[in-house]
Each structure stands twice: as structure tokens, then as C-alpha cells.
Amino acid sequence: MSGDELRADEEHVGPLPGLPVVEQAEVLYEETEQLKEALERRPVIDVARGVLMATWSCTEEEAWRMLVRVSQHSNTKLHDVAEAVVAATQHKPMPAHLQDHLAAAVAVWRARRAGDA
């Protein structure tokens, strides 16, 4: 194998075979940045879950589903919903549209819980 052939082969090896090394590096960098952002945002989501668990005596999974439901139905990022829930514990008003969606999520949770009883 010539030097040129070896270099061509090296360009397509690594964690994302089939992509040139430069593109692999870009993809991996973007993924790393997304993971860093997720790690930074995770604590407020966990606190919001705890708030819902304490407020409604629900499980961790049920609180998660409530947050996700509010996020999806209000077209609001999960992190922003979580921040609003946590801020409400500090007497900061929750945006009305999030209040409405949270009330709906709690109603769905209560109905499911009643159905399981």
C-alpha cells in the first residue's frame, strides 16, 4: 500500500467510519458540547422533579412525565419548564401558559392514579 493509499484509509477510520477525520472531529465536538449543556441543565430539572414529587406525592417517574408533558404541550424547552417550577418555589410567578399546562398534566396524572386504584 502506498503512502497516499494509507493516508486515504486513515481519513475514514475512527469512531465514525466513513466520514473524513475532520468531519468526525466536528461531529464529536458538537456532541460533546451538547452533553456539556445537558449536564449543566440537569440539576434544575432534577430539582423541579423533586418539587413536583413533594407537592403532589408522586413518584420520580410521574414527576418526569409531568415535566415532559408540559414541555411538549406548551412547546417550551424542558429546562425552561423546570426553571419555572423551581422559581415558583421562590414566589416568582409561573407564566400563565405553563400554569395551565401543569394543571392539565397534574389532572392527567390524578386520573391515571385513580384508574390504577
C-alpha atoms as a PDB file:
ATOM      1  CA  MET A   1       0.000   0.000   0.000  1.00  0.00           C
ATOM      2  CA  SER A   2       1.443   3.366  -0.983  1.00  0.00           C
ATOM      3  CA  GLY A   3       1.658   6.362   1.334  1.00  0.00           C
ATOM      4  CA  ASP A   4      -1.223   8.071  -0.474  1.00  0.00           C
ATOM      5  CA  GLU A   5      -3.435   4.993  -0.076  1.00  0.00           C
ATOM      6  CA  LEU A   6      -2.575   4.755   3.630  1.00  0.00           C
ATOM      7  CA  ARG A   7      -3.465   8.424   4.198  1.00  0.00           C
ATOM      8  CA  ALA A   8      -6.759   7.935   2.350  1.00  0.00           C
ATOM      9  CA  ASP A   9      -7.579   4.953   4.577  1.00  0.00           C
ATOM     10  CA  GLU A  10      -6.702   6.894   7.737  1.00  0.00           C
ATOM     11  CA  GLU A  11      -9.127   9.621   6.779  1.00  0.00           C
ATOM     12  CA  HIS A  12     -12.051   7.206   7.134  1.00  0.00           C
ATOM     13  CA  VAL A  13     -11.247   5.393  10.376  1.00  0.00           C
ATOM     14  CA  GLY A  14     -12.162   6.323  13.905  1.00  0.00           C
ATOM     15  CA  PRO A  15     -15.397   6.471  15.901  1.00  0.00           C
ATOM     16  CA  LEU A  16     -17.456   7.411  12.806  1.00  0.00           C
ATOM     17  CA  PRO A  17     -16.116   5.251   9.969  1.00  0.00           C
ATOM     18  CA  GLY A  18     -16.992   6.519   6.542  1.00  0.00           C
ATOM     19  CA  LEU A  19     -16.555  10.180   7.423  1.00  0.00           C
ATOM     20  CA  PRO A  20     -13.328  12.061   6.884  1.00  0.00           C
ATOM     21  CA  VAL A  21     -11.427  12.625  10.126  1.00  0.00           C
ATOM     22  CA  VAL A  22     -12.117  16.384  10.061  1.00  0.00           C
ATOM     23  CA  GLU A  23     -15.878  15.798   9.838  1.00  0.00           C
ATOM     24  CA  GLN A  24     -15.659  13.181  12.594  1.00  0.00           C
ATOM     25  CA  ALA A  25     -13.955  15.715  14.819  1.00  0.00           C
ATOM     26  CA  GLU A  26     -16.685  18.278  14.119  1.00  0.00           C
ATOM     27  CA  VAL A  27     -19.456  15.786  14.889  1.00  0.00           C
ATOM     28  CA  LEU A  28     -17.758  14.676  18.098  1.00  0.00           C
ATOM     29  CA  TYR A  29     -17.144  18.285  19.162  1.00  0.00           C
ATOM     30  CA  GLU A  30     -20.826  19.144  18.652  1.00  0.00           C
ATOM     31  CA  GLU A  31     -21.875  16.055  20.599  1.00  0.00           C
ATOM     32  CA  THR A  32     -19.507  16.965  23.432  1.00  0.00           C
ATOM     33  CA  GLU A  33     -20.928  20.481  23.603  1.00  0.00           C
ATOM     34  CA  GLN A  34     -24.482  19.109  23.721  1.00  0.00           C
ATOM     35  CA  LEU A  35     -23.519  16.750  26.526  1.00  0.00           C
ATOM     36  CA  LYS A  36     -21.895  19.583  28.489  1.00  0.00           C
ATOM     37  CA  GLU A  37     -25.045  21.658  28.105  1.00  0.00           C
ATOM     38  CA  ALA A  38     -27.204  18.735  29.243  1.00  0.00           C
ATOM     39  CA  LEU A  39     -25.022  18.238  32.312  1.00  0.00           C
ATOM     40  CA  GLU A  40     -25.321  21.912  33.183  1.00  0.00           C
ATOM     41  CA  ARG A  41     -29.109  21.865  32.810  1.00  0.00           C
ATOM     42  CA  ARG A  42     -29.776  18.559  34.523  1.00  0.00           C
ATOM     43  CA  PRO A  43     -29.659  19.812  38.134  1.00  0.00           C
ATOM     44  CA  VAL A  44     -32.565  22.254  37.706  1.00  0.00           C
ATOM     45  CA  ILE A  45     -34.620  19.515  36.049  1.00  0.00           C
ATOM     46  CA  ASP A  46     -33.897  17.197  38.970  1.00  0.00           C
ATOM     47  CA  VAL A  47     -34.869  19.920  41.462  1.00  0.00           C
ATOM     48  CA  ALA A  48     -38.112  20.553  39.572  1.00  0.00           C
ATOM     49  CA  ARG A  49     -38.889  16.841  39.690  1.00  0.00           C
ATOM     50  CA  GLY A  50     -38.291  16.931  43.430  1.00  0.00           C
ATOM     51  CA  VAL A  51     -40.630  19.907  43.784  1.00  0.00           C
ATOM     52  CA  LEU A  52     -43.384  18.062  41.934  1.00  0.00           C
ATOM     53  CA  MET A  53     -42.756  14.901  43.947  1.00  0.00           C
ATOM     54  CA  ALA A  54     -43.031  16.827  47.226  1.00  0.00           C
ATOM     55  CA  THR A  55     -46.040  18.845  46.108  1.00  0.00           C
ATOM     56  CA  TRP A  56     -48.108  16.018  44.643  1.00  0.00           C
ATOM     57  CA  SER A  57     -46.682  12.953  46.418  1.00  0.00           C
ATOM     58  CA  CYS A  58     -45.870  11.415  43.067  1.00  0.00           C
ATOM     59  CA  THR A  59     -43.017   9.183  42.036  1.00  0.00           C
ATOM     60  CA  GLU A  60     -39.866  10.343  40.296  1.00  0.00           C
ATOM     61  CA  GLU A  61     -41.119   8.864  37.001  1.00  0.00           C
ATOM     62  CA  GLU A  62     -44.533  10.521  37.347  1.00  0.00           C
ATOM     63  CA  ALA A  63     -42.908  13.899  38.015  1.00  0.00           C
ATOM     64  CA  TRP A  64     -40.697  13.390  34.958  1.00  0.00           C
ATOM     65  CA  ARG A  65     -43.742  12.623  32.811  1.00  0.00           C
ATOM     66  CA  MET A  66     -45.467  15.769  34.072  1.00  0.00           C
ATOM     67  CA  LEU A  67     -42.499  17.936  33.135  1.00  0.00           C
ATOM     68  CA  VAL A  68     -42.210  16.313  29.717  1.00  0.00           C
ATOM     69  CA  ARG A  69     -45.954  16.700  29.107  1.00  0.00           C
ATOM     70  CA  VAL A  70     -45.846  20.401  29.994  1.00  0.00           C
ATOM     71  CA  SER A  71     -42.797  20.876  27.781  1.00  0.00           C
ATOM     72  CA  GLN A  72     -44.342  19.113  24.795  1.00  0.00           C
ATOM     73  CA  HIS A  73     -47.820  20.593  25.090  1.00  0.00           C
ATOM     74  CA  SER A  74     -46.611  24.147  25.693  1.00  0.00           C
ATOM     75  CA  ASN A  75     -43.835  23.959  23.107  1.00  0.00           C
ATOM     76  CA  THR A  76     -41.367  25.033  25.795  1.00  0.00           C
ATOM     77  CA  LYS A  77     -37.943  23.542  26.393  1.00  0.00           C
ATOM     78  CA  LEU A  78     -37.892  21.118  29.298  1.00  0.00           C
ATOM     79  CA  HIS A  79     -35.186  23.128  31.009  1.00  0.00           C
ATOM     80  CA  ASP A  80     -37.320  26.292  30.845  1.00  0.00           C
ATOM     81  CA  VAL A  81     -40.316  24.455  32.323  1.00  0.00           C
ATOM     82  CA  ALA A  82     -38.096  23.168  35.125  1.00  0.00           C
ATOM     83  CA  GLU A  83     -36.752  26.662  35.814  1.00  0.00           C
ATOM     84  CA  ALA A  84     -40.311  27.995  36.053  1.00  0.00           C
ATOM     85  CA  VAL A  85     -41.292  25.252  38.518  1.00  0.00           C
ATOM     86  CA  VAL A  86     -38.256  25.941  40.688  1.00  0.00           C
ATOM     87  CA  ALA A  87     -38.782  29.723  40.504  1.00  0.00           C
ATOM     88  CA  ALA A  88     -42.370  29.249  41.701  1.00  0.00           C
ATOM     89  CA  THR A  89     -40.974  27.839  44.959  1.00  0.00           C
ATOM     90  CA  GLN A  90     -39.311  31.228  45.436  1.00  0.00           C
ATOM     91  CA  HIS A  91     -42.613  33.086  44.984  1.00  0.00           C
ATOM     92  CA  LYS A  92     -41.904  34.041  41.388  1.00  0.00           C
ATOM     93  CA  PRO A  93     -44.984  33.776  39.194  1.00  0.00           C
ATOM     94  CA  MET A  94     -45.065  30.966  36.687  1.00  0.00           C
ATOM     95  CA  PRO A  95     -46.084  32.067  33.185  1.00  0.00           C
ATOM     96  CA  ALA A  96     -49.824  31.531  32.760  1.00  0.00           C
ATOM     97  CA  HIS A  97     -49.493  29.165  29.820  1.00  0.00           C
ATOM     98  CA  LEU A  98     -47.166  26.939  31.844  1.00  0.00           C
ATOM     99  CA  GLN A  99     -49.536  27.042  34.822  1.00  0.00           C
ATOM    100  CA  ASP A 100     -52.347  25.868  32.566  1.00  0.00           C
ATOM    101  CA  HIS A 101     -50.287  23.049  31.090  1.00  0.00           C
ATOM    102  CA  LEU A 102     -49.002  21.992  34.505  1.00  0.00           C
ATOM    103  CA  ALA A 103     -52.554  21.900  35.848  1.00  0.00           C
ATOM    104  CA  ALA A 104     -53.530  19.719  32.881  1.00  0.00           C
ATOM    105  CA  ALA A 105     -50.544  17.413  33.464  1.00  0.00           C
ATOM    106  CA  VAL A 106     -51.493  17.042  37.134  1.00  0.00           C
ATOM    107  CA  ALA A 107     -55.102  16.290  36.128  1.00  0.00           C
ATOM    108  CA  VAL A 108     -53.894  13.553  33.747  1.00  0.00           C
ATOM    109  CA  TRP A 109     -51.664  12.137  36.486  1.00  0.00           C
ATOM    110  CA  ARG A 110     -54.536  12.150  39.002  1.00  0.00           C
ATOM    111  CA  ALA A 111     -56.857  10.429  36.521  1.00  0.00           C
ATOM    112  CA  ARG A 112     -54.263   7.725  35.849  1.00  0.00           C
ATOM    113  CA  ARG A 113     -53.655   7.250  39.546  1.00  0.00           C
ATOM    114  CA  ALA A 114     -57.410   6.986  40.213  1.00  0.00           C
ATOM    115  CA  GLY A 115     -57.684   4.439  37.398  1.00  0.00           C
ATOM    116  CA  ASP A 116     -54.938   2.342  38.985  1.00  0.00           C
ATOM    117  CA  ALA A 117     -56.654   2.314  42.386  1.00  0.00           C
END
